[in-house]
N, C-alpha and C. Protein backbone atom coordinates (compact mmCIF):
# COMPACT_ATOMS: atom_id res chain seq x y z
N UNK A 1 1.05 -0.52 0.15
CA UNK A 1 0.09 0.43 0.12
C UNK A 1 1.20 1.28 -0.02
N UNK A 2 0.81 1.89 0.81
CA UNK A 2 2.05 3.36 1.31
C UNK A 2 3.54 2.66 0.90
N UNK A 3 3.65 1.83 0.49
CA UNK A 3 5.39 1.79 1.14
C UNK A 3 6.17 2.19 -0.50
N UNK A 4 7.45 2.63 0.47
CA UNK A 4 8.21 2.76 -1.24
C UNK A 4 8.74 0.81 -1.42
N UNK A 5 8.48 0.85 -3.19
CA UNK A 5 9.04 -0.29 -3.82
C UNK A 5 10.96 -0.70 -3.45
N UNK A 6 11.45 0.68 -3.06
CA UNK A 6 12.09 0.17 -3.03
C UNK A 6 13.16 -0.22 -1.69
N UNK A 7 12.63 0.76 -0.21
CA UNK A 7 13.08 0.25 0.98
C UNK A 7 12.32 0.34 1.42
N UNK A 8 11.15 0.08 1.30
CA UNK A 8 10.23 -0.59 2.14
C UNK A 8 9.18 0.00 3.54
N UNK A 9 9.65 0.96 3.52
CA UNK A 9 9.80 2.34 4.90
C UNK A 9 8.53 2.33 4.49
N UNK A 10 7.72 2.54 5.52
CA UNK A 10 6.12 3.47 5.11
C UNK A 10 6.00 5.42 4.72
N UNK A 11 5.22 5.50 4.47
CA UNK A 11 4.76 6.80 3.23
C UNK A 11 3.94 7.65 4.44
N UNK A 12 4.06 8.36 4.27
CA UNK A 12 2.81 9.19 5.94
C UNK A 12 1.64 9.32 4.63
N UNK A 13 0.23 9.62 5.06
CA UNK A 13 -1.10 9.75 3.98
C UNK A 13 -1.00 10.88 4.02
N UNK A 14 -0.29 12.22 4.00
CA UNK A 14 -0.16 13.21 3.38
C UNK A 14 1.04 13.49 2.65
N UNK A 15 2.24 12.76 2.70
CA UNK A 15 2.72 12.64 1.68
C UNK A 15 2.43 12.39 -0.77
N UNK A 16 1.48 10.97 0.76
CA UNK A 16 1.14 10.76 -0.59
C UNK A 16 -0.27 11.55 -1.34
N UNK A 17 -0.91 12.43 -1.12
CA UNK A 17 -2.03 13.31 -1.22
C UNK A 17 -1.27 14.19 -1.10
N UNK A 18 -0.54 15.32 -1.10
CA UNK A 18 0.21 16.50 -1.21
C UNK A 18 1.40 16.25 -2.98
N UNK A 19 1.46 15.27 -2.79
CA UNK A 19 2.56 14.48 -3.82
C UNK A 19 2.02 13.68 -5.10
N UNK A 20 1.15 13.59 -5.00
CA UNK A 20 1.23 12.50 -5.57
C UNK A 20 1.51 12.08 -6.97
N UNK A 21 2.41 12.98 -7.85
CA UNK A 21 2.79 12.53 -9.01
C UNK A 21 4.57 12.64 -8.56
N UNK A 22 4.43 12.84 -7.60
CA UNK A 22 6.20 13.23 -7.78
C UNK A 22 6.89 12.86 -5.47
N UNK A 23 6.29 11.66 -5.24
CA UNK A 23 6.94 11.81 -4.04
C UNK A 23 8.43 11.66 -3.84
N UNK A 24 9.20 11.87 -3.31
CA UNK A 24 10.15 11.35 -2.41
C UNK A 24 10.80 11.08 -1.69
N UNK A 25 10.63 9.31 -1.59
CA UNK A 25 10.79 9.28 0.04
C UNK A 25 11.78 9.60 0.58
N UNK A 26 11.46 9.73 2.01
CA UNK A 26 12.52 10.51 3.05
C UNK A 26 13.29 9.16 3.26
N UNK A 27 13.41 8.15 2.92
CA UNK A 27 14.22 7.28 4.01
C UNK A 27 15.27 7.31 2.84
N UNK A 28 15.14 6.81 1.24
CA UNK A 28 15.59 6.23 0.68
C UNK A 28 15.80 7.28 -0.50
N UNK A 29 15.82 8.03 -0.68
CA UNK A 29 15.45 9.01 -1.48
C UNK A 29 15.03 9.25 -2.47
N UNK A 30 14.54 7.60 -3.00
CA UNK A 30 14.43 7.13 -4.45
C UNK A 30 12.34 8.04 -4.48
N UNK A 31 11.97 8.69 -6.20
CA UNK A 31 11.68 8.84 -6.82
C UNK A 31 10.44 8.09 -6.89
N UNK A 32 8.85 8.48 -6.55
CA UNK A 32 7.31 7.20 -6.40
C UNK A 32 7.03 8.64 -7.33
N UNK A 33 5.49 7.21 -7.45
CA UNK A 33 4.31 8.46 -7.59
C UNK A 33 3.41 7.47 -7.57
N UNK A 34 1.71 8.00 -7.34
CA UNK A 34 0.32 6.72 -7.13
C UNK A 34 0.07 5.59 -8.59
N UNK A 35 0.43 4.40 -8.14
CA UNK A 35 -0.14 3.89 -9.73
C UNK A 35 -1.10 4.53 -10.05
N UNK A 36 -0.84 4.06 -11.52
CA UNK A 36 -2.37 4.36 -12.58
C UNK A 36 -3.47 3.94 -11.91
N UNK A 37 -3.29 2.47 -11.67
CA UNK A 37 -4.78 2.00 -11.16
C UNK A 37 -5.33 2.46 -9.81
N UNK A 38 -3.80 2.83 -9.63
CA UNK A 38 -5.00 3.74 -7.45
C UNK A 38 -5.77 5.15 -8.24
N UNK A 39 -5.05 5.63 -9.10
CA UNK A 39 -6.65 6.72 -8.64
C UNK A 39 -6.78 6.75 -10.27
N UNK A 40 -7.39 5.43 -11.10
CA UNK A 40 -8.53 5.70 -11.57
C UNK A 40 -9.97 4.64 -11.40
N UNK A 41 -9.31 3.72 -10.21
CA UNK A 41 -10.45 3.24 -9.12
C UNK A 41 -10.61 4.50 -8.13
N UNK A 42 -9.33 5.43 -7.58
CA UNK A 42 -10.11 6.56 -6.89
C UNK A 42 -10.89 7.33 -7.18
N UNK A 43 -10.75 7.27 -8.42
CA UNK A 43 -11.60 8.48 -9.63
C UNK A 43 -13.03 7.97 -10.50
N UNK A 44 -13.08 6.49 -10.10
CA UNK A 44 -14.72 5.98 -10.43
C UNK A 44 -15.67 5.62 -8.95
N UNK A 45 -14.92 4.91 -8.09
CA UNK A 45 -15.00 5.46 -6.30
C UNK A 45 -15.74 6.71 -6.18
N UNK A 46 -15.21 7.79 -6.46
CA UNK A 46 -15.56 9.63 -6.31
C UNK A 46 -16.12 9.14 -7.03
N UNK A 47 -16.53 9.34 -7.74
CA UNK A 47 -17.41 9.65 -9.54
C UNK A 47 -18.60 8.90 -8.41
N UNK A 48 -18.79 7.74 -8.75
CA UNK A 48 -20.56 7.12 -7.78
C UNK A 48 -21.12 7.82 -6.66
N UNK A 49 -19.69 7.82 -6.05
CA UNK A 49 -20.24 9.17 -4.51
C UNK A 49 -20.52 9.89 -4.76
N UNK A 50 -19.91 10.66 -5.60
CA UNK A 50 -20.51 11.71 -6.20
C UNK A 50 -21.81 12.27 -6.65
N UNK A 51 -21.62 11.37 -7.50
CA UNK A 51 -23.31 10.87 -8.08
C UNK A 51 -24.62 10.92 -7.50
N UNK A 52 -24.85 9.88 -6.27
CA UNK A 52 -25.17 9.80 -5.61
C UNK A 52 -25.41 10.69 -4.04
N UNK A 53 -24.08 11.60 -4.36
CA UNK A 53 -24.49 12.96 -3.49
C UNK A 53 -26.04 14.05 -4.09
N UNK A 54 -25.38 14.00 -5.39
CA UNK A 54 -26.43 14.47 -6.62
C UNK A 54 -27.71 13.82 -6.33
N UNK A 55 -27.71 13.12 -6.75
CA UNK A 55 -28.88 11.89 -6.33
C UNK A 55 -29.82 12.92 -5.27
N UNK A 56 -29.42 12.52 -4.43
CA UNK A 56 -29.81 12.65 -3.04
C UNK A 56 -30.05 14.33 -2.60
N UNK A 57 -28.97 15.09 -2.51
CA UNK A 57 -30.29 16.31 -2.95
C UNK A 57 -30.41 17.17 -4.06
N UNK A 58 -30.60 16.83 -4.49
CA UNK A 58 -31.72 17.23 -5.84
C UNK A 58 -32.60 18.27 -5.58
N UNK A 59 -33.56 17.13 -4.69
CA UNK A 59 -34.76 17.57 -4.11
C UNK A 59 -34.33 19.25 -2.97
N UNK A 60 -34.01 19.14 -2.72
CA UNK A 60 -34.06 19.94 -1.74
C UNK A 60 -34.31 22.12 -1.31
N UNK A 61 -34.64 22.35 -0.93
CA UNK A 61 -35.31 23.39 -1.08
C UNK A 61 -34.76 24.43 -0.77
N UNK A 62 -35.31 26.61 -0.80
CA UNK A 62 -33.75 27.35 -0.88
C UNK A 62 -33.69 28.71 -2.43
N UNK A 63 -33.61 29.21 -1.94
CA UNK A 63 -32.44 29.89 -3.00
C UNK A 63 -31.98 29.93 -4.25
N UNK A 64 -30.99 28.69 -4.02
CA UNK A 64 -30.19 27.33 -4.25
C UNK A 64 -30.27 26.65 -4.79
N UNK A 65 -31.41 26.33 -5.22
CA UNK A 65 -31.08 24.63 -5.02
C UNK A 65 -31.10 24.29 -6.22
N UNK A 66 -30.25 25.05 -7.45
CA UNK A 66 -30.18 24.93 -8.96
C UNK A 66 -28.87 24.54 -8.67
N UNK A 67 -28.14 25.01 -7.43
CA UNK A 67 -26.71 24.76 -7.98
C UNK A 67 -25.74 24.58 -6.84
N UNK A 68 -26.61 23.49 -5.75
CA UNK A 68 -26.64 23.43 -4.23
C UNK A 68 -26.13 22.18 -4.43
N UNK A 69 -26.92 21.54 -5.86
CA UNK A 69 -26.74 20.16 -5.72
C UNK A 69 -25.16 19.48 -6.32
N UNK A 70 -24.41 20.51 -7.40
CA UNK A 70 -24.08 20.77 -7.50
C UNK A 70 -22.23 20.69 -7.13
N UNK A 71 -22.86 22.31 -6.82
CA UNK A 71 -21.22 22.03 -5.21
C UNK A 71 -21.82 20.57 -3.84
N UNK A 72 -22.27 20.45 -3.33
CA UNK A 72 -21.67 18.78 -2.82
C UNK A 72 -21.71 17.68 -3.38
N UNK A 73 -21.64 17.42 -4.75
CA UNK A 73 -21.62 16.39 -5.86
C UNK A 73 -19.94 16.49 -5.74
N UNK A 74 -19.59 18.33 -6.13
CA UNK A 74 -17.95 18.47 -6.12
C UNK A 74 -17.48 18.29 -4.45
N UNK A 75 -18.36 18.64 -3.85
CA UNK A 75 -17.28 18.68 -3.30
C UNK A 75 -17.17 16.84 -1.39
N UNK A 76 -17.74 16.07 -2.89
CA UNK A 76 -17.87 15.25 -1.56
C UNK A 76 -17.42 14.42 -3.02
N UNK A 77 -17.23 14.36 -3.95
CA UNK A 77 -15.94 13.63 -4.77
C UNK A 77 -14.48 13.78 -4.44
N UNK A 78 -14.39 15.07 -4.25
CA UNK A 78 -12.97 16.36 -3.39
C UNK A 78 -12.58 15.15 -2.15
N UNK A 79 -13.72 14.77 -0.85
CA UNK A 79 -13.56 14.09 -0.45
C UNK A 79 -12.87 13.14 -0.25
N UNK A 80 -13.69 11.77 -0.93
CA UNK A 80 -14.49 10.55 -0.78
C UNK A 80 -12.16 10.99 -1.69
N UNK A 81 -12.08 11.21 -3.32
CA UNK A 81 -10.96 10.98 -3.65
C UNK A 81 -9.50 10.89 -2.35
N UNK A 82 -9.89 12.44 -1.96
CA UNK A 82 -8.48 11.77 -1.07
C UNK A 82 -8.45 11.42 -0.01
N UNK A 83 -10.21 10.33 0.21
CA UNK A 83 -9.92 9.60 1.53
C UNK A 83 -9.26 8.23 0.89
N UNK A 84 -9.82 7.63 -0.56
CA UNK A 84 -9.21 6.42 -1.01
C UNK A 84 -7.48 6.72 -1.24
N UNK A 85 -6.80 7.31 -1.66
CA UNK A 85 -5.31 7.73 -1.67
C UNK A 85 -5.02 7.93 -0.31
N UNK A 86 -5.00 8.63 1.00
CA UNK A 86 -4.47 8.75 1.75
C UNK A 86 -4.74 7.11 2.27
N UNK A 87 -6.53 5.80 2.34
CA UNK A 87 -5.84 4.55 2.34
C UNK A 87 -5.52 4.30 1.72
N UNK A 88 -5.86 3.50 0.70
CA UNK A 88 -5.60 2.74 -0.63
C UNK A 88 -5.16 2.77 -1.68
N UNK A 89 -4.15 3.56 -1.00
CA UNK A 89 -2.65 4.05 -2.99
C UNK A 89 -2.17 3.15 -2.60
N UNK A 90 -2.06 3.09 -3.96
CA UNK A 90 -0.47 1.95 -4.44
C UNK A 90 0.62 3.39 -4.94
N UNK A 91 1.07 2.31 -4.81
CA UNK A 91 3.10 3.59 -4.92
C UNK A 91 4.02 2.98 -5.83
N UNK A 92 4.24 3.57 -6.96
CA UNK A 92 5.51 2.56 -7.64
C UNK A 92 6.50 3.91 -8.43
N UNK A 93 7.77 3.73 -8.52
CA UNK A 93 9.05 3.88 -9.09
C UNK A 93 7.64 5.38 -9.80
N UNK A 94 8.58 5.36 -9.49
CA UNK A 94 8.43 7.20 -11.08
C UNK A 94 8.93 6.28 -12.36
N UNK A 95 8.90 6.90 -13.38
CA UNK A 95 9.96 6.86 -14.46
C UNK A 95 9.95 7.66 -14.96
N UNK A 96 11.44 8.06 -15.59
CA UNK A 96 12.41 8.89 -16.17
C UNK A 96 12.04 10.29 -15.75
N UNK A 97 12.11 11.61 -16.81
CA UNK A 97 12.06 12.73 -17.16
C UNK A 97 11.86 12.52 -18.59
N UNK A 98 11.57 12.43 -19.50
CA UNK A 98 11.84 12.73 -20.81
C UNK A 98 13.15 13.84 -21.12
N UNK A 99 14.77 14.05 -21.62
CA UNK A 99 15.74 14.90 -22.95
C UNK A 99 14.91 15.46 -23.25
N UNK A 100 14.67 16.38 -23.35
CA UNK A 100 14.38 17.43 -24.96
C UNK A 100 15.42 16.94 -24.96
N UNK A 101 15.60 16.88 -26.87
CA UNK A 101 16.85 16.94 -28.17
C UNK A 101 17.56 18.72 -28.10
N UNK A 102 18.43 19.03 -27.97
CA UNK A 102 18.77 19.87 -28.58
C UNK A 102 18.44 20.86 -29.80
N UNK A 103 17.94 22.20 -29.85
CA UNK A 103 17.07 22.12 -30.93
C UNK A 103 18.96 23.41 -31.94
N UNK A 104 18.98 22.81 -32.87
CA UNK A 104 19.67 24.05 -33.06
C UNK A 104 19.61 25.61 -34.47
N UNK A 105 19.62 26.32 -34.20
CA UNK A 105 19.59 28.25 -34.92
C UNK A 105 20.44 27.86 -35.34
N UNK A 106 21.08 27.33 -36.14
CA UNK A 106 21.97 27.06 -37.71
C UNK A 106 21.39 27.53 -38.32
N UNK A 107 20.07 26.30 -38.31
CA UNK A 107 19.97 26.25 -40.59
C UNK A 107 18.28 26.75 -40.05
N UNK A 108 17.05 28.03 -39.40
CA UNK A 108 15.99 28.04 -39.84
C UNK A 108 15.62 28.92 -40.32
N UNK A 109 14.34 28.64 -40.45
CA UNK A 109 13.76 29.86 -41.80
C UNK A 109 13.72 31.22 -41.00
N UNK A 110 13.70 31.30 -39.94
CA UNK A 110 14.27 33.33 -39.40
C UNK A 110 14.80 33.39 -40.56
N UNK A 111 14.92 34.96 -41.36
CA UNK A 111 16.25 36.08 -41.67
C UNK A 111 16.90 35.59 -40.92
N UNK A 112 18.60 36.20 -41.39
CA UNK A 112 19.43 36.86 -41.38
C UNK A 112 19.90 37.66 -40.82
N UNK A 113 21.18 37.84 -39.32
CA UNK A 113 20.86 39.61 -39.21
C UNK A 113 22.37 39.20 -39.23
N UNK A 114 21.92 40.77 -40.60
CA UNK A 114 23.92 40.85 -40.92
C UNK A 114 23.51 42.52 -40.38
């Protein structure tokens, strides 16, 4: 679950939620990220709960009855997704960033400055 795959030490829930794409292990310094499967499952679970909250709050009365179901569902999505990542996220090693190739400006299509 929230364990570094290289040194097998536990990571905190705050690290997982705050830095989900670029987590640095405090023990070995490895660059980690939340696995795609955990992100996908968490998003679908959060969408399901947000839909249930939206349906449950459709009949609410008041002056903002057209707005409150959306607000409640967005808040529900945010809380459910965050708590899912805090408790059930799987952490994997982050692939290295791609290196950009150097571009030569000597044969460009811009006019020469003489």
